Amino acid sequence: MQAWKKIEETKKKATDIVHVRQRNADHTSEKMSLAQYRAAEEAALTNKNLMVRTEQKEAIKSQQMTKHTKNVYDAQNIKGERN
């Protein structure tokens, strides 16, 4: 009877250990998935910010070119009026 009790206790401990290991594995897997998700979100945000900066630079460059062209045109008009 005592031997059976020891066997049952050992089986219970083994089952508990298996459950704890599975819970730990699930927890680790969940943490890794969350880390991958956050890394993907950060990469997407970085790309979005890069695109916004690039668009802003292009808009500024376009405005500068437009202003330069207008200044050249105005200067030519003033020279034409003087002559």
C-alpha atoms as a PDB file:
ATOM      1  CA  MET A   1       0.000   0.000   0.000  1.00  0.00           C
ATOM      2  CA  GLN A   2       2.790   2.410   0.907  1.00  0.00           C
ATOM      3  CA  ALA A   3       4.603   1.625  -2.367  1.00  0.00           C
ATOM      4  CA  TRP A   4       1.463   2.453  -4.348  1.00  0.00           C
ATOM      5  CA  LYS A   5       1.154   5.728  -2.473  1.00  0.00           C
ATOM      6  CA  LYS A   6       4.771   6.607  -3.359  1.00  0.00           C
ATOM      7  CA  ILE A   7       4.144   5.690  -7.015  1.00  0.00           C
ATOM      8  CA  GLU A   8       1.025   7.885  -7.133  1.00  0.00           C
ATOM      9  CA  GLU A   9       2.897  10.803  -5.530  1.00  0.00           C
ATOM     10  CA  THR A  10       5.713  10.414  -8.063  1.00  0.00           C
ATOM     11  CA  LYS A  11       3.211  10.371 -10.943  1.00  0.00           C
ATOM     12  CA  LYS A  12       1.528  13.488  -9.548  1.00  0.00           C
ATOM     13  CA  LYS A  13       4.880  15.274  -9.223  1.00  0.00           C
ATOM     14  CA  ALA A  14       5.788  14.272 -12.785  1.00  0.00           C
ATOM     15  CA  THR A  15       2.451  15.574 -14.060  1.00  0.00           C
ATOM     16  CA  ASP A  16       2.924  18.834 -12.142  1.00  0.00           C
ATOM     17  CA  ILE A  17       6.413  19.252 -13.607  1.00  0.00           C
ATOM     18  CA  VAL A  18       5.086  18.673 -17.133  1.00  0.00           C
ATOM     19  CA  HIS A  19       2.356  21.285 -16.574  1.00  0.00           C
ATOM     20  CA  VAL A  20       4.818  23.817 -15.189  1.00  0.00           C
ATOM     21  CA  ARG A  21       7.168  23.285 -18.134  1.00  0.00           C
ATOM     22  CA  GLN A  22       4.298  23.666 -20.606  1.00  0.00           C
ATOM     23  CA  ARG A  23       3.116  26.844 -18.877  1.00  0.00           C
ATOM     24  CA  ASN A  24       6.661  28.239 -18.983  1.00  0.00           C
ATOM     25  CA  ALA A  25       6.986  27.335 -22.669  1.00  0.00           C
ATOM     26  CA  ASP A  26       3.658  29.022 -23.429  1.00  0.00           C
ATOM     27  CA  HIS A  27       4.705  32.110 -21.500  1.00  0.00           C
ATOM     28  CA  THR A  28       8.033  32.271 -23.343  1.00  0.00           C
ATOM     29  CA  SER A  29       6.300  31.830 -26.684  1.00  0.00           C
ATOM     30  CA  GLU A  30       3.844  34.602 -25.831  1.00  0.00           C
ATOM     31  CA  LYS A  31       6.670  36.950 -24.852  1.00  0.00           C
ATOM     32  CA  MET A  32       8.511  36.226 -28.112  1.00  0.00           C
ATOM     33  CA  SER A  33       5.371  36.846 -30.166  1.00  0.00           C
ATOM     34  CA  LEU A  34       4.794  40.145 -28.390  1.00  0.00           C
ATOM     35  CA  ALA A  35       8.412  41.164 -28.970  1.00  0.00           C
ATOM     36  CA  GLN A  36       8.115  40.333 -32.691  1.00  0.00           C
ATOM     37  CA  TYR A  37       4.866  42.299 -32.915  1.00  0.00           C
ATOM     38  CA  ARG A  38       6.439  45.321 -31.234  1.00  0.00           C
ATOM     39  CA  ALA A  39       9.495  45.115 -33.502  1.00  0.00           C
ATOM     40  CA  ALA A  40       7.251  44.994 -36.576  1.00  0.00           C
ATOM     41  CA  GLU A  41       5.227  47.962 -35.318  1.00  0.00           C
ATOM     42  CA  GLU A  42       8.405  49.925 -34.640  1.00  0.00           C
ATOM     43  CA  ALA A  43       9.773  49.131 -38.100  1.00  0.00           C
ATOM     44  CA  ALA A  44       6.497  50.222 -39.711  1.00  0.00           C
ATOM     45  CA  LEU A  45       6.521  53.464 -37.730  1.00  0.00           C
ATOM     46  CA  THR A  46      10.143  54.102 -38.692  1.00  0.00           C
ATOM     47  CA  ASN A  47       9.328  53.561 -42.372  1.00  0.00           C
ATOM     48  CA  LYS A  48       6.306  55.852 -42.119  1.00  0.00           C
ATOM     49  CA  ASN A  49       8.395  58.579 -40.488  1.00  0.00           C
ATOM     50  CA  LEU A  50      11.054  58.198 -43.170  1.00  0.00           C
ATOM     51  CA  MET A  51       8.443  58.559 -45.911  1.00  0.00           C
ATOM     52  CA  VAL A  52       6.966  61.641 -44.247  1.00  0.00           C
ATOM     53  CA  ARG A  53      10.409  63.241 -43.947  1.00  0.00           C
ATOM     54  CA  THR A  54      11.177  62.434 -47.588  1.00  0.00           C
ATOM     55  CA  GLU A  55       7.867  63.944 -48.716  1.00  0.00           C
ATOM     56  CA  GLN A  56       8.523  67.055 -46.633  1.00  0.00           C
ATOM     57  CA  LYS A  57      11.974  67.467 -48.130  1.00  0.00           C
ATOM     58  CA  GLU A  58      10.543  67.087 -51.631  1.00  0.00           C
ATOM     59  CA  ALA A  59       7.814  69.643 -50.878  1.00  0.00           C
ATOM     60  CA  ILE A  60      10.383  72.132 -49.547  1.00  0.00           C
ATOM     61  CA  LYS A  61      12.586  71.573 -52.579  1.00  0.00           C
ATOM     62  CA  SER A  62       9.604  72.099 -54.882  1.00  0.00           C
ATOM     63  CA  GLN A  63       8.667  75.319 -53.081  1.00  0.00           C
ATOM     64  CA  GLN A  64      12.237  76.558 -53.312  1.00  0.00           C
ATOM     65  CA  MET A  65      12.364  75.789 -57.024  1.00  0.00           C
ATOM     66  CA  THR A  66       9.039  77.557 -57.575  1.00  0.00           C
ATOM     67  CA  LYS A  67      10.244  80.587 -55.631  1.00  0.00           C
ATOM     68  CA  HIS A  68      13.546  80.618 -57.533  1.00  0.00           C
ATOM     69  CA  THR A  69      11.732  80.371 -60.877  1.00  0.00           C
ATOM     70  CA  LYS A  70       9.412  83.215 -59.852  1.00  0.00           C
ATOM     71  CA  ASN A  71      12.357  85.361 -58.794  1.00  0.00           C
ATOM     72  CA  VAL A  72      14.107  84.739 -62.108  1.00  0.00           C
ATOM     73  CA  TYR A  73      10.913  85.553 -64.010  1.00  0.00           C
ATOM     74  CA  ASP A  74      10.395  88.736 -61.958  1.00  0.00           C
ATOM     75  CA  ALA A  75      14.000  89.786 -62.520  1.00  0.00           C
ATOM     76  CA  GLN A  76      13.631  89.299 -66.275  1.00  0.00           C
ATOM     77  CA  ASN A  77      10.428  91.351 -66.268  1.00  0.00           C
ATOM     78  CA  ILE A  78      12.093  94.180 -64.372  1.00  0.00           C
ATOM     79  CA  LYS A  79      15.051  94.149 -66.794  1.00  0.00           C
ATOM     80  CA  GLY A  80      12.604  94.170 -69.733  1.00  0.00           C
ATOM     81  CA  GLU A  81      10.727  97.128 -68.299  1.00  0.00           C
ATOM     82  CA  ARG A  82      13.956  99.109 -67.846  1.00  0.00           C
ATOM     83  CA  ASN A  83      14.945  98.646 -71.465  1.00  0.00           C
END
